[in-house]
C-alpha atoms as a PDB file:
ATOM      1  CA  MET A   1       0.000   0.000   0.000  1.00  0.00           C
ATOM      2  CA  ARG A   2       1.403   3.376  -1.015  1.00  0.00           C
ATOM      3  CA  ILE A   3       1.411   6.276   1.445  1.00  0.00           C
ATOM      4  CA  ALA A   4       0.786   9.496  -0.471  1.00  0.00           C
ATOM      5  CA  GLU A   5       2.659  11.769   1.926  1.00  0.00           C
ATOM      6  CA  LEU A   6       5.883   9.852   1.383  1.00  0.00           C
ATOM      7  CA  ASP A   7       6.710  11.627  -1.874  1.00  0.00           C
ATOM      8  CA  ARG A   8       6.458  15.050  -0.255  1.00  0.00           C
ATOM      9  CA  ILE A   9       8.414  13.886   2.825  1.00  0.00           C
ATOM     10  CA  ASN A  10      11.218  12.677   0.556  1.00  0.00           C
ATOM     11  CA  GLU A  11      11.138  15.903  -1.444  1.00  0.00           C
ATOM     12  CA  LEU A  12      11.503  17.942   1.751  1.00  0.00           C
ATOM     13  CA  ALA A  13      14.314  15.663   2.958  1.00  0.00           C
ATOM     14  CA  ARG A  14      16.273  16.244  -0.260  1.00  0.00           C
ATOM     15  CA  LYS A  15      15.731  19.984  -0.001  1.00  0.00           C
ATOM     16  CA  ALA A  16      16.793  19.997   3.669  1.00  0.00           C
ATOM     17  CA  LYS A  17      20.091  18.351   2.722  1.00  0.00           C
ATOM     18  CA  SER A  18      20.803  20.695  -0.159  1.00  0.00           C
ATOM     19  CA  VAL A  19      19.534  24.192   0.678  1.00  0.00           C
ATOM     20  CA  GLY A  20      17.661  23.931   3.971  1.00  0.00           C
ATOM     21  CA  LEU A  21      14.005  24.381   4.847  1.00  0.00           C
ATOM     22  CA  SER A  22      11.952  27.435   5.732  1.00  0.00           C
ATOM     23  CA  GLU A  23       9.906  27.537   8.944  1.00  0.00           C
ATOM     24  CA  ALA A  24       6.743  26.731   6.978  1.00  0.00           C
ATOM     25  CA  GLU A  25       8.422  23.728   5.356  1.00  0.00           C
ATOM     26  CA  LEU A  26       9.688  22.499   8.727  1.00  0.00           C
ATOM     27  CA  ALA A  27       6.143  22.670  10.090  1.00  0.00           C
ATOM     28  CA  GLU A  28       4.784  20.899   6.993  1.00  0.00           C
ATOM     29  CA  ARG A  29       7.421  18.179   7.360  1.00  0.00           C
ATOM     30  CA  ASP A  30       6.423  17.587  10.991  1.00  0.00           C
ATOM     31  CA  VAL A  31       2.735  17.291  10.072  1.00  0.00           C
ATOM     32  CA  LEU A  32       3.521  14.921   7.196  1.00  0.00           C
ATOM     33  CA  ARG A  33       5.739  12.769   9.390  1.00  0.00           C
ATOM     34  CA  GLN A  34       2.999  12.403  12.013  1.00  0.00           C
ATOM     35  CA  ALA A  35       0.480  11.454   9.313  1.00  0.00           C
ATOM     36  CA  TYR A  36       2.968   8.912   7.949  1.00  0.00           C
ATOM     37  CA  ILE A  37       3.499   7.360  11.390  1.00  0.00           C
ATOM     38  CA  ARG A  38      -0.273   7.089  11.953  1.00  0.00           C
ATOM     39  CA  GLN A  39      -0.723   5.349   8.605  1.00  0.00           C
ATOM     40  CA  VAL A  40       2.120   2.881   9.202  1.00  0.00           C
ATOM     41  CA  CYS A  41       0.728   2.039  12.656  1.00  0.00           C
ATOM     42  CA  GLY A  42      -2.705   1.543  11.122  1.00  0.00           C
ATOM     43  CA  GLN A  43      -1.278  -0.799   8.522  1.00  0.00           C
ATOM     44  CA  MET A  44       0.533  -2.807  11.216  1.00  0.00           C
ATOM     45  CA  ASN A  45      -2.649  -3.092  13.262  1.00  0.00           C
ATOM     46  CA  ASN A  46      -4.498  -4.345  10.173  1.00  0.00           C
ATOM     47  CA  ILE A  47      -1.811  -6.966   9.574  1.00  0.00           C
ATOM     48  CA  LEU A  48      -1.733  -8.080  13.212  1.00  0.00           C
ATOM     49  CA  SER A  49      -5.511  -8.339  13.345  1.00  0.00           C
ATOM     50  CA  THR A  50      -5.259 -11.445  11.148  1.00  0.00           C
ATOM     51  CA  VAL A  51      -2.142 -13.122  12.613  1.00  0.00           C
ATOM     52  CA  THR A  52      -2.307 -16.533  14.205  1.00  0.00           C
ATOM     53  CA  VAL A  53       0.851 -18.117  15.595  1.00  0.00           C
ATOM     54  CA  ILE A  54       1.177 -21.888  15.074  1.00  0.00           C
ATOM     55  CA  ASP A  55       4.003 -23.937  16.626  1.00  0.00           C
ATOM     56  CA  ALA A  56       5.832 -26.859  15.003  1.00  0.00           C
ATOM     57  CA  GLU A  57       3.222 -29.357  16.271  1.00  0.00           C
ATOM     58  CA  GLY A  58       0.357 -27.387  14.740  1.00  0.00           C
ATOM     59  CA  ASN A  59      -0.917 -25.911  18.005  1.00  0.00           C
ATOM     60  CA  ASP A  60      -2.274 -22.378  18.111  1.00  0.00           C
ATOM     61  CA  VAL A  61       0.139 -20.467  20.375  1.00  0.00           C
ATOM     62  CA  THR A  62      -1.027 -16.937  19.596  1.00  0.00           C
ATOM     63  CA  PRO A  63      -0.102 -14.737  22.594  1.00  0.00           C
ATOM     64  CA  ALA A  64      -3.027 -13.891  24.866  1.00  0.00           C
ATOM     65  CA  LYS A  65      -2.458 -10.160  24.494  1.00  0.00           C
ATOM     66  CA  LEU A  66      -2.741 -10.446  20.708  1.00  0.00           C
ATOM     67  CA  ARG A  67      -5.911 -12.560  20.962  1.00  0.00           C
ATOM     68  CA  GLU A  68      -7.496 -10.037  23.318  1.00  0.00           C
ATOM     69  CA  ALA A  69      -6.583  -7.168  21.016  1.00  0.00           C
ATOM     70  CA  GLN A  70      -8.004  -9.010  18.006  1.00  0.00           C
ATOM     71  CA  ALA A  71     -11.246  -9.712  19.859  1.00  0.00           C
ATOM     72  CA  GLY A  72     -11.514  -6.154  21.158  1.00  0.00           C
ATOM     73  CA  GLY A  73     -10.839  -4.272  17.920  1.00  0.00           C
ATOM     74  CA  MET A  74      -7.018  -4.122  17.783  1.00  0.00           C
ATOM     75  CA  GLN A  75      -5.348  -1.509  19.932  1.00  0.00           C
ATOM     76  CA  LEU A  76      -1.895  -3.018  20.498  1.00  0.00           C
ATOM     77  CA  GLN A  77       0.674  -0.923  22.280  1.00  0.00           C
END
C-alpha cells in the first residue's frame, strides 16, 4: 500500500540536505511525518488483526495479548 505523503516527505528531505528548509516547510514536514506514522501504525494493526501463531506441532500459540486485542478491535501498544 502506497502512502501518499511519502513523496512530499522525501522531497523535503532532499531539499533539507541541499539548501535547507523554511519555517513553513519544517512545520509541513512535521505534520507529514505524524500522518505517515499514523498510517504505518494503522497498517501494522491491520496486519496483526489477522495473525495466528502456530508452533511446530500445529498448536495455536497466539499470545493472549494479541488474541485479546483481536477480539476487542485491535489496539496493540
